Amino acid sequence: MTTFLIVLAAAAQAYLLGSVDTGILISKYLYHDDVRTHGSGAAGMTNMLRTFGKKAAAFTAAGDVLKGVLAVCIGRWLFGFLPENAAVSPYLGVYMTAILAVVGHSKPIYFGFKGGKGVLVAGGAILAIQPILLPFLALIFLACLLPTGMVSLGSITMAASYPILTLIYGLLKGFVAGDLAVCVIGAAIMGGMVIYMHRANIQRIREGKEYRFGQKHKK
């Protein structure tokens, strides 16, 4: 019963924290608008940048990363109270909370279940779980962004690379099979969610209509 309550508490805090959508709050209280009615309709940094400018985008990015970090840190702390005989991988708590924070961001309970795509929230979660992977993910992102100007392409490629990098990292660190499986599956779910949330972007990339960084958005 104790194990169930701890897992439930960790899951609930991650989803509810993820649902505090920074972009929506900033657009509502600072600009008296809803970013979801502009551009791509997402409440993420890219849409905030092209709708309200650099300051709004910076605040949005900071808030999204922070809640990813907090969700994982709180989840790790709560899982520290599990009974010794619980036989639960220590990585289950961090990946479960990371996934639910991304779910909360993309489907926020406070804002009609319409939020952002979760890239920066996932980035914050990775910062709390495996910060050593972030430079490699950043390089992958830039390698796609710089020649194309497409933030979405960088995000999609980065999300697809994350479980592969997690597998390599786990093998190099000598993780036991159970922990390695939890990490790779958790990373694959996180990456898959981010890619799924970019499905409209993938279609626009195929059609040659995707927004490129610095391009004026056509209303």
Protein backbone atom coordinates (compact mmCIF):
# COMPACT_ATOMS: atom_id res chain seq x y z
CA MET A 1 0.00 0.00 0.00
CA THR A 2 2.85 2.39 0.86
CA THR A 3 4.54 1.68 -2.47
CA PHE A 4 1.31 2.35 -4.37
CA LEU A 5 0.71 5.67 -2.59
CA ILE A 6 4.28 6.86 -3.22
CA VAL A 7 4.09 5.96 -6.91
CA LEU A 8 0.68 7.66 -7.17
CA ALA A 9 1.96 10.81 -5.46
CA ALA A 10 5.01 10.96 -7.73
CA ALA A 11 2.89 10.51 -10.84
CA ALA A 12 0.29 13.09 -9.76
CA GLN A 13 2.81 15.81 -8.90
CA ALA A 14 4.58 15.34 -12.23
CA TYR A 15 1.42 15.64 -14.30
CA LEU A 16 0.04 18.58 -12.31
CA LEU A 17 3.39 20.39 -12.41
CA GLY A 18 3.71 19.75 -16.12
CA SER A 19 0.22 21.18 -16.63
CA VAL A 20 1.42 24.60 -15.37
CA ASP A 21 2.00 25.79 -18.93
CA THR A 22 4.46 28.68 -18.90
CA GLY A 23 3.69 29.91 -22.41
CA ILE A 24 -0.04 30.11 -21.78
CA LEU A 25 0.44 31.92 -18.46
CA ILE A 26 2.90 34.44 -19.91
CA SER A 27 0.75 35.17 -22.95
CA LYS A 28 -2.34 35.54 -20.77
CA TYR A 29 -0.99 37.71 -17.96
CA LEU A 30 1.74 39.70 -19.70
CA TYR A 31 0.22 40.09 -23.16
CA HIS A 32 -3.49 39.57 -22.42
CA ASP A 33 -3.69 37.05 -25.23
CA ASP A 34 -3.54 33.30 -25.80
CA VAL A 35 -0.50 32.10 -27.76
CA ARG A 36 -2.49 29.06 -28.87
CA THR A 37 -4.58 31.28 -31.14
CA HIS A 38 -1.48 32.26 -33.14
CA GLY A 39 1.00 30.55 -35.44
CA SER A 40 1.23 26.81 -34.94
CA GLY A 41 -1.31 26.85 -32.11
CA ALA A 42 1.23 25.39 -29.68
CA ALA A 43 2.18 26.96 -26.35
CA GLY A 44 5.91 26.44 -26.74
CA MET A 45 9.02 28.60 -27.02
CA THR A 46 9.08 28.72 -30.84
CA ASN A 47 5.51 29.95 -31.14
CA MET A 48 6.05 32.41 -28.29
CA LEU A 49 9.14 33.75 -30.08
CA ARG A 50 7.42 34.45 -33.36
CA THR A 51 4.25 35.74 -31.69
CA PHE A 52 5.50 37.85 -28.75
CA GLY A 53 9.26 38.08 -29.19
CA LYS A 54 12.53 37.07 -27.54
CA LYS A 55 11.68 38.05 -23.95
CA ALA A 56 8.50 35.97 -23.92
CA ALA A 57 10.32 33.04 -25.51
CA ALA A 58 13.14 33.20 -22.94
CA PHE A 59 10.74 33.20 -19.98
CA THR A 60 8.78 30.33 -21.55
CA ALA A 61 11.92 28.28 -22.12
CA ALA A 62 13.13 28.83 -18.56
CA GLY A 63 9.78 27.87 -17.06
CA ASP A 64 9.41 24.74 -19.19
CA VAL A 65 12.91 23.49 -18.41
CA LEU A 66 12.48 24.22 -14.70
CA LYS A 67 9.28 22.23 -14.35
CA GLY A 68 10.90 19.26 -16.07
CA VAL A 69 13.76 19.41 -13.58
CA LEU A 70 11.44 19.84 -10.59
CA ALA A 71 9.11 17.00 -11.59
CA VAL A 72 12.01 14.55 -11.80
CA CYS A 73 13.69 15.79 -8.61
CA ILE A 74 10.47 15.52 -6.62
CA GLY A 75 9.80 12.08 -8.09
CA ARG A 76 13.31 10.91 -7.15
CA TRP A 77 12.83 12.28 -3.63
CA LEU A 78 9.48 10.52 -3.20
CA PHE A 79 10.84 7.22 -4.50
CA GLY A 80 13.51 7.48 -1.81
CA PHE A 81 10.76 6.63 0.70
CA LEU A 82 9.93 3.31 -0.94
CA PRO A 83 10.33 0.27 1.32
CA GLU A 84 13.58 -1.64 0.82
CA ASN A 85 11.63 -4.71 -0.27
CA ALA A 86 9.72 -2.83 -2.99
CA ALA A 87 12.03 -4.28 -5.69
CA VAL A 88 11.51 -1.24 -7.94
CA SER A 89 14.23 0.13 -10.22
CA PRO A 90 15.45 3.52 -8.96
CA TYR A 91 15.13 4.77 -12.53
CA LEU A 92 11.42 3.98 -12.72
CA GLY A 93 10.49 7.01 -10.65
CA VAL A 94 12.55 9.51 -12.63
CA TYR A 95 11.36 8.31 -16.04
CA MET A 96 7.75 7.96 -14.94
CA THR A 97 7.74 11.54 -13.64
CA ALA A 98 9.59 12.81 -16.72
CA ILE A 99 7.01 11.22 -19.02
CA LEU A 100 4.06 12.53 -17.02
CA ALA A 101 5.52 16.04 -16.90
CA VAL A 102 5.66 16.00 -20.71
CA VAL A 103 2.09 14.66 -20.83
CA GLY A 104 0.97 17.44 -18.50
CA HIS A 105 2.66 20.05 -20.68
CA SER A 106 1.09 18.77 -23.89
CA LYS A 107 -2.31 18.01 -22.31
CA PRO A 108 -2.58 20.46 -19.37
CA ILE A 109 -5.55 19.85 -17.11
CA TYR A 110 -5.74 23.56 -16.26
CA PHE A 111 -5.97 24.75 -19.88
CA GLY A 112 -8.43 22.52 -21.68
CA PHE A 113 -5.83 19.81 -22.41
CA LYS A 114 -4.22 21.90 -25.16
CA GLY A 115 -0.61 22.87 -24.51
CA GLY A 116 2.83 22.62 -26.10
CA LYS A 117 4.97 19.87 -27.58
CA GLY A 118 7.12 19.13 -24.57
CA VAL A 119 10.64 19.45 -26.00
CA LEU A 120 11.97 21.80 -23.32
CA VAL A 121 10.15 19.97 -20.53
CA ALA A 122 11.82 16.77 -21.73
CA GLY A 123 15.11 18.66 -21.85
CA GLY A 124 14.67 19.73 -18.24
CA ALA A 125 13.90 16.15 -17.26
CA ILE A 126 17.03 14.91 -19.05
CA LEU A 127 19.03 17.61 -17.25
CA ALA A 128 17.87 16.08 -13.97
CA ILE A 129 18.33 12.44 -15.07
CA GLN A 130 21.35 12.33 -17.39
CA PRO A 131 22.91 15.80 -17.80
CA ILE A 132 25.90 14.24 -19.58
CA LEU A 133 23.69 13.53 -22.61
CA LEU A 134 22.56 17.14 -23.09
CA PRO A 135 25.67 18.37 -24.99
CA PHE A 136 25.32 15.50 -27.46
CA LEU A 137 21.60 16.17 -27.92
CA ALA A 138 22.33 19.88 -28.37
CA LEU A 139 24.86 19.10 -31.10
CA ILE A 140 22.33 16.91 -32.88
CA PHE A 141 19.74 19.67 -32.60
CA LEU A 142 22.11 22.32 -34.01
CA ALA A 143 23.28 20.02 -36.80
CA CYS A 144 19.68 19.95 -38.03
CA LEU A 145 18.70 23.54 -37.18
CA LEU A 146 21.64 25.47 -38.65
CA PRO A 147 21.47 24.21 -42.27
CA THR A 148 17.66 24.10 -42.46
CA GLY A 149 16.41 26.77 -40.03
CA MET A 150 13.74 24.32 -38.85
CA VAL A 151 13.45 24.06 -35.07
CA SER A 152 10.96 21.24 -35.48
CA LEU A 153 13.38 19.10 -37.49
CA GLY A 154 16.04 19.55 -34.82
CA SER A 155 13.55 18.62 -32.10
CA ILE A 156 12.35 15.51 -33.95
CA THR A 157 15.87 14.27 -34.67
CA MET A 158 16.95 14.97 -31.10
CA ALA A 159 13.95 13.04 -29.75
CA ALA A 160 14.71 10.07 -32.01
CA SER A 161 18.36 10.08 -30.89
CA TYR A 162 17.63 10.19 -27.16
CA PRO A 163 16.87 6.47 -26.58
CA ILE A 164 19.91 5.49 -28.67
CA LEU A 165 22.20 7.73 -26.61
CA THR A 166 20.57 6.40 -23.43
CA LEU A 167 21.31 2.82 -24.50
CA ILE A 168 24.96 3.67 -25.26
CA TYR A 169 25.33 5.53 -21.96
CA GLY A 170 23.77 2.67 -19.98
CA LEU A 171 26.02 0.08 -21.60
CA LEU A 172 29.13 2.18 -20.95
CA LYS A 173 28.10 2.69 -17.32
CA GLY A 174 27.45 -1.02 -16.89
CA PHE A 175 23.79 -0.78 -15.86
CA VAL A 176 22.18 -4.05 -14.85
CA ALA A 177 19.70 -5.41 -17.38
CA GLY A 178 16.60 -4.29 -15.47
CA ASP A 179 17.78 -0.71 -14.99
CA LEU A 180 18.98 -0.49 -18.59
CA ALA A 181 15.60 -1.68 -19.86
CA VAL A 182 13.75 0.90 -17.73
CA CYS A 183 16.01 3.71 -18.96
CA VAL A 184 15.83 2.80 -22.65
CA ILE A 185 12.07 2.20 -22.62
CA GLY A 186 11.51 5.42 -20.68
CA ALA A 187 13.70 7.37 -23.10
CA ALA A 188 11.92 5.79 -26.08
CA ILE A 189 8.51 6.78 -24.68
CA MET A 190 9.68 10.35 -24.07
CA GLY A 191 11.18 10.60 -27.56
CA GLY A 192 8.13 9.02 -29.16
CA MET A 193 5.80 11.47 -27.42
CA VAL A 194 7.79 14.45 -28.65
CA ILE A 195 7.84 13.09 -32.21
CA TYR A 196 4.09 12.40 -32.08
CA MET A 197 3.40 15.95 -30.95
CA HIS A 198 5.32 17.12 -34.04
CA ARG A 199 3.24 15.09 -36.50
CA ALA A 200 1.80 18.24 -38.12
CA ASN A 201 5.32 19.64 -38.46
CA ILE A 202 6.45 16.41 -40.13
CA GLN A 203 3.67 16.79 -42.68
CA ARG A 204 4.66 20.42 -43.36
CA ILE A 205 8.31 19.40 -43.74
CA ARG A 206 7.28 16.85 -46.35
CA GLU A 207 5.27 19.53 -48.17
CA GLY A 208 8.07 22.11 -47.93
CA LYS A 209 5.86 24.44 -45.90
CA GLU A 210 7.46 24.23 -42.47
CA TYR A 211 8.34 27.43 -40.61
CA ARG A 212 12.04 28.29 -40.68
CA PHE A 213 13.72 30.15 -37.84
CA GLY A 214 13.76 33.91 -38.52
CA GLN A 215 11.07 33.68 -41.17
CA LYS A 216 8.10 36.01 -40.79
CA HIS A 217 5.01 34.00 -40.06
CA LYS A 218 2.21 34.38 -42.56
CA LYS A 219 -1.11 35.01 -40.92
